[in-house]
Amino acid sequence: MDPLQIRENEVFETLKKIRELKFVVIGGYAVNAYTLPRFSVDCDIVVEDKIDTIGIHDALLKIGYIEKEQAKIGYLASFGRYEKDLGNSFKVSFDVLVKEVLDRQTGVSISAEWVFKNSDVRTLKGKTITDKLNVRIINLDALVIMKMISCRPTDIRDIFMLAPNINDRTFIKKEIASKYNFEERFKKVKEKVTSDKFRDGLQGIYGLIDSKIFEKSVDSILALNDET
């Protein structure tokens, strides 16, 4: 295996070891359940119950992960980062978000209860490995909401890839508006996906993208602000 395969394989093997506990996969690995898989540096999971939180904490330590960034998951802190050294200074990490998902840039807090409510058991796919795994993953529309609130460049790329499969535009717009300024977030996404350089950057990650597929994604994003 090359280094990326080793890291992704470790994430899947770790998820297998903790999947009896209750958590929801969000972030980049959740995106892979709905569209062309991309490589993600770490795996983000949301936990709500105290017993499962401590269980995940103990399980990760048992299989070689080390707490980072003053993580105190056993004491129900809101965030914990766990890293495992895979050799040659190559690491894999898990971000465990307890009770809430807090976006540091906007200050928006999304409760773990909301995340669990908007999730289902789905098949997780890798980019560099053929392994598949059934775990609880945040629903596509809820994932778009979270990524649109955060609005980092990687989030906007993910929104673009997810957009053609959006189920309920009204729900997305309403939920974002209840948590932040929808018009400001939409403007930021729109400006990015309609810029001249966006397509080249996207293809650098996913490879050649058909023009019709590209335009469909653009139209799906613009439709988020339709009045109808």
Protein backbone atom coordinates (compact mmCIF):
# COMPACT_ATOMS: atom_id res chain seq x y z
CA MET A 1 0.00 0.00 0.00
CA ASP A 2 1.09 3.56 -0.66
CA PRO A 3 0.96 6.09 2.23
CA LEU A 4 -2.55 7.34 1.33
CA GLN A 5 -3.90 3.78 1.22
CA ILE A 6 -2.28 3.00 4.57
CA ARG A 7 -3.92 6.02 6.16
CA GLU A 8 -7.35 5.36 4.67
CA ASN A 9 -7.17 1.67 5.54
CA GLU A 10 -6.38 2.62 9.14
CA VAL A 11 -9.49 4.86 9.27
CA PHE A 12 -11.70 2.01 8.03
CA GLU A 13 -10.15 -0.50 10.43
CA THR A 14 -10.65 1.93 13.32
CA LEU A 15 -14.30 2.50 12.40
CA LYS A 16 -14.82 -1.27 12.37
CA LYS A 17 -13.47 -1.49 15.91
CA ILE A 18 -15.79 1.21 17.28
CA ARG A 19 -18.91 0.75 15.13
CA GLU A 20 -20.84 -0.98 17.92
CA LEU A 21 -20.85 2.38 19.69
CA LYS A 22 -23.18 5.20 18.66
CA PHE A 23 -21.66 7.93 16.51
CA VAL A 24 -22.28 9.74 13.23
CA VAL A 25 -19.65 10.23 10.55
CA ILE A 26 -19.52 13.78 9.18
CA GLY A 27 -16.93 15.73 7.17
CA GLY A 28 -14.94 14.41 4.23
CA TYR A 29 -15.62 10.74 4.83
CA ALA A 30 -19.36 11.42 4.88
CA VAL A 31 -19.04 13.11 1.48
CA ASN A 32 -17.63 9.85 0.10
CA ALA A 33 -20.95 8.12 0.81
CA TYR A 34 -22.77 10.32 -1.72
CA THR A 35 -20.41 11.26 -4.53
CA LEU A 36 -17.02 10.53 -6.08
CA PRO A 37 -14.74 9.69 -3.15
CA ARG A 38 -11.95 12.08 -2.28
CA PHE A 39 -9.09 11.67 0.13
CA SER A 40 -9.60 13.14 3.59
CA VAL A 41 -6.85 13.86 6.10
CA ASP A 42 -8.90 12.90 9.15
CA CYS A 43 -12.20 11.30 10.10
CA ASP A 44 -14.79 13.40 11.96
CA ILE A 45 -17.39 11.71 14.16
CA VAL A 46 -20.13 13.15 16.37
CA VAL A 47 -21.07 11.53 19.69
CA GLU A 48 -23.96 12.35 22.00
CA ASP A 49 -24.20 9.70 24.72
CA LYS A 50 -21.77 9.67 27.68
CA ILE A 51 -21.26 5.92 27.63
CA ASP A 52 -20.44 5.87 23.91
CA THR A 53 -18.18 8.90 24.29
CA ILE A 54 -16.08 7.22 26.96
CA GLY A 55 -16.20 3.95 25.00
CA ILE A 56 -14.74 5.60 21.90
CA HIS A 57 -12.14 7.38 24.02
CA ASP A 58 -11.00 4.10 25.58
CA ALA A 59 -11.13 2.15 22.30
CA LEU A 60 -8.97 4.67 20.43
CA LEU A 61 -6.36 4.69 23.17
CA LYS A 62 -6.35 0.90 23.25
CA ILE A 63 -5.52 0.61 19.53
CA GLY A 64 -2.67 3.07 19.61
CA TYR A 65 -4.17 6.56 19.28
CA ILE A 66 -2.88 9.41 21.42
CA GLU A 67 -4.92 12.37 22.68
CA LYS A 68 -4.01 15.73 21.15
CA GLU A 69 -5.07 19.37 21.62
CA GLN A 70 -5.99 18.87 25.29
CA ALA A 71 -8.69 16.39 24.37
CA LYS A 72 -10.54 15.07 27.41
CA ILE A 73 -13.27 13.00 25.86
CA GLY A 74 -13.66 10.95 29.02
CA TYR A 75 -14.78 14.12 30.76
CA LEU A 76 -17.21 15.10 28.00
CA ALA A 77 -15.24 17.99 26.54
CA SER A 78 -16.77 19.28 23.31
CA PHE A 79 -13.86 18.24 21.10
CA GLY A 80 -11.05 15.74 21.05
CA ARG A 81 -8.38 14.96 18.46
CA TYR A 82 -6.75 11.55 18.46
CA GLU A 83 -3.69 10.71 16.37
CA LYS A 84 -1.99 7.44 15.56
CA ASP A 85 1.57 7.24 14.24
CA LEU A 86 1.75 4.93 11.23
CA GLY A 87 5.51 5.23 10.87
CA ASN A 88 7.81 7.50 8.84
CA SER A 89 6.15 10.57 10.43
CA PHE A 90 2.86 9.55 8.77
CA LYS A 91 -0.20 9.89 10.97
CA VAL A 92 -3.93 9.33 10.91
CA SER A 93 -6.35 11.26 13.09
CA PHE A 94 -9.90 11.14 14.43
CA ASP A 95 -11.76 14.26 15.52
CA VAL A 96 -14.43 13.35 18.07
CA LEU A 97 -17.07 16.05 18.53
CA VAL A 98 -19.16 15.64 21.66
CA LYS A 99 -22.65 17.08 22.14
CA GLU A 100 -22.15 19.67 19.39
CA VAL A 101 -20.32 20.61 16.21
CA LEU A 102 -18.89 24.09 16.66
CA ASP A 103 -17.77 26.03 13.58
CA ARG A 104 -14.89 28.15 14.80
CA GLN A 105 -15.12 30.74 12.02
CA THR A 106 -18.81 31.59 12.38
CA GLY A 107 -19.38 30.53 15.98
CA VAL A 108 -22.38 28.44 14.88
CA SER A 109 -23.10 25.44 17.09
CA ILE A 110 -25.00 22.45 15.70
CA SER A 111 -26.20 20.01 18.33
CA ALA A 112 -25.35 16.33 18.24
CA GLU A 113 -29.10 15.70 18.61
CA TRP A 114 -29.68 17.49 15.26
CA VAL A 115 -26.87 15.51 13.63
CA PHE A 116 -28.27 12.17 14.82
CA LYS A 117 -31.79 13.15 13.77
CA ASN A 118 -30.52 13.88 10.27
CA SER A 119 -28.50 10.71 9.76
CA ASP A 120 -28.92 7.13 8.57
CA VAL A 121 -26.87 3.96 8.28
CA ARG A 122 -25.20 4.06 4.87
CA THR A 123 -22.28 2.53 3.00
CA LEU A 124 -18.97 4.31 3.43
CA LYS A 125 -16.57 4.01 0.50
CA GLY A 126 -12.86 4.70 0.28
CA LYS A 127 -10.91 6.48 -2.44
CA THR A 128 -7.72 4.43 -2.42
CA ILE A 129 -9.06 1.13 -1.07
CA THR A 130 -11.92 -1.14 -2.15
CA ASP A 131 -13.23 -1.68 1.37
CA LYS A 132 -16.81 -0.67 2.19
CA LEU A 133 -18.39 -0.25 5.60
CA ASN A 134 -21.94 0.30 6.85
CA VAL A 135 -21.96 3.05 9.49
CA ARG A 136 -24.25 5.89 10.55
CA ILE A 137 -23.57 8.88 8.29
CA ILE A 138 -25.10 12.34 8.25
CA ASN A 139 -27.73 12.78 5.51
CA LEU A 140 -26.74 14.59 2.33
CA ASP A 141 -28.92 17.68 2.85
CA ALA A 142 -27.70 18.08 6.45
CA LEU A 143 -24.12 17.65 5.26
CA VAL A 144 -24.62 20.45 2.72
CA ILE A 145 -26.00 22.65 5.51
CA MET A 146 -22.97 22.09 7.71
CA LYS A 147 -20.52 22.64 4.88
CA MET A 148 -22.30 25.75 3.64
CA ILE A 149 -22.11 27.26 7.12
CA SER A 150 -18.39 26.53 7.32
CA CYS A 151 -17.71 27.56 3.70
CA ARG A 152 -13.99 26.77 3.53
CA PRO A 153 -12.61 26.08 0.03
CA THR A 154 -12.75 22.31 0.65
CA ASP A 155 -16.35 22.64 1.87
CA ILE A 156 -17.37 24.52 -1.27
CA ARG A 157 -15.83 21.82 -3.46
CA ASP A 158 -17.77 19.21 -1.51
CA ILE A 159 -21.01 21.20 -1.83
CA PHE A 160 -20.45 21.36 -5.57
CA MET A 161 -20.07 17.58 -5.84
CA LEU A 162 -23.07 16.92 -3.58
CA ALA A 163 -25.40 19.51 -5.15
CA PRO A 164 -26.99 17.38 -7.94
CA ASN A 165 -28.29 14.94 -5.31
CA ILE A 166 -29.84 17.51 -2.97
CA ASN A 167 -33.33 16.40 -1.87
CA ASP A 168 -34.91 19.42 -0.18
CA ARG A 169 -33.67 22.91 -1.08
CA THR A 170 -36.24 24.57 1.17
CA PHE A 171 -35.02 22.61 4.19
CA ILE A 172 -31.41 23.54 3.48
CA LYS A 173 -32.15 27.22 3.06
CA LYS A 174 -34.37 27.35 6.15
CA GLU A 175 -31.87 25.55 8.37
CA ILE A 176 -28.94 27.71 7.30
CA ALA A 177 -30.99 30.89 7.74
CA SER A 178 -31.94 29.81 11.27
CA LYS A 179 -28.27 29.45 12.21
CA TYR A 180 -26.48 32.12 10.16
CA ASN A 181 -26.86 34.58 7.28
CA PHE A 182 -27.97 32.43 4.34
CA GLU A 183 -27.56 35.16 1.73
CA GLU A 184 -23.95 35.78 2.76
CA ARG A 185 -23.09 32.06 2.69
CA PHE A 186 -24.85 31.56 -0.64
CA LYS A 187 -23.04 34.53 -2.20
CA LYS A 188 -19.69 33.11 -1.12
CA VAL A 189 -20.44 29.69 -2.61
CA LYS A 190 -21.86 31.19 -5.81
CA GLU A 191 -18.85 33.42 -6.40
CA LYS A 192 -16.51 30.47 -5.94
CA VAL A 193 -18.25 27.93 -8.18
CA THR A 194 -18.84 30.42 -10.99
CA SER A 195 -15.23 31.69 -11.01
CA ASP A 196 -12.96 30.89 -13.96
CA LYS A 197 -10.44 28.93 -11.87
CA PHE A 198 -12.87 26.76 -9.93
CA ARG A 199 -13.24 24.01 -12.54
CA ASP A 200 -9.48 23.58 -12.97
CA GLY A 201 -9.02 23.26 -9.22
CA LEU A 202 -11.84 20.75 -8.98
CA GLN A 203 -10.46 18.58 -11.77
CA GLY A 204 -7.10 18.57 -10.03
CA ILE A 205 -8.81 16.57 -7.27
CA TYR A 206 -11.44 14.53 -9.09
CA GLY A 207 -10.01 14.30 -12.60
CA LEU A 208 -11.73 15.35 -15.83
CA ILE A 209 -15.34 16.40 -15.24
CA ASP A 210 -17.82 16.31 -18.11
CA SER A 211 -19.18 19.76 -19.08
CA LYS A 212 -22.81 18.70 -18.68
CA ILE A 213 -22.15 17.28 -15.22
CA PHE A 214 -20.28 20.45 -14.24
CA GLU A 215 -23.13 22.70 -15.40
CA LYS A 216 -25.67 20.52 -13.63
CA SER A 217 -23.84 21.04 -10.34
CA VAL A 218 -23.67 24.79 -10.91
CA ASP A 219 -27.42 24.93 -11.67
CA SER A 220 -28.19 22.82 -8.58
CA ILE A 221 -26.30 25.26 -6.36
CA LEU A 222 -27.89 28.33 -7.92
CA ALA A 223 -31.30 26.70 -7.38
CA LEU A 224 -30.70 26.84 -3.62
CA ASN A 225 -31.66 30.50 -3.74
CA ASP A 226 -34.72 30.11 -5.95
CA GLU A 227 -37.78 31.83 -4.54
CA THR A 228 -40.06 29.01 -5.63
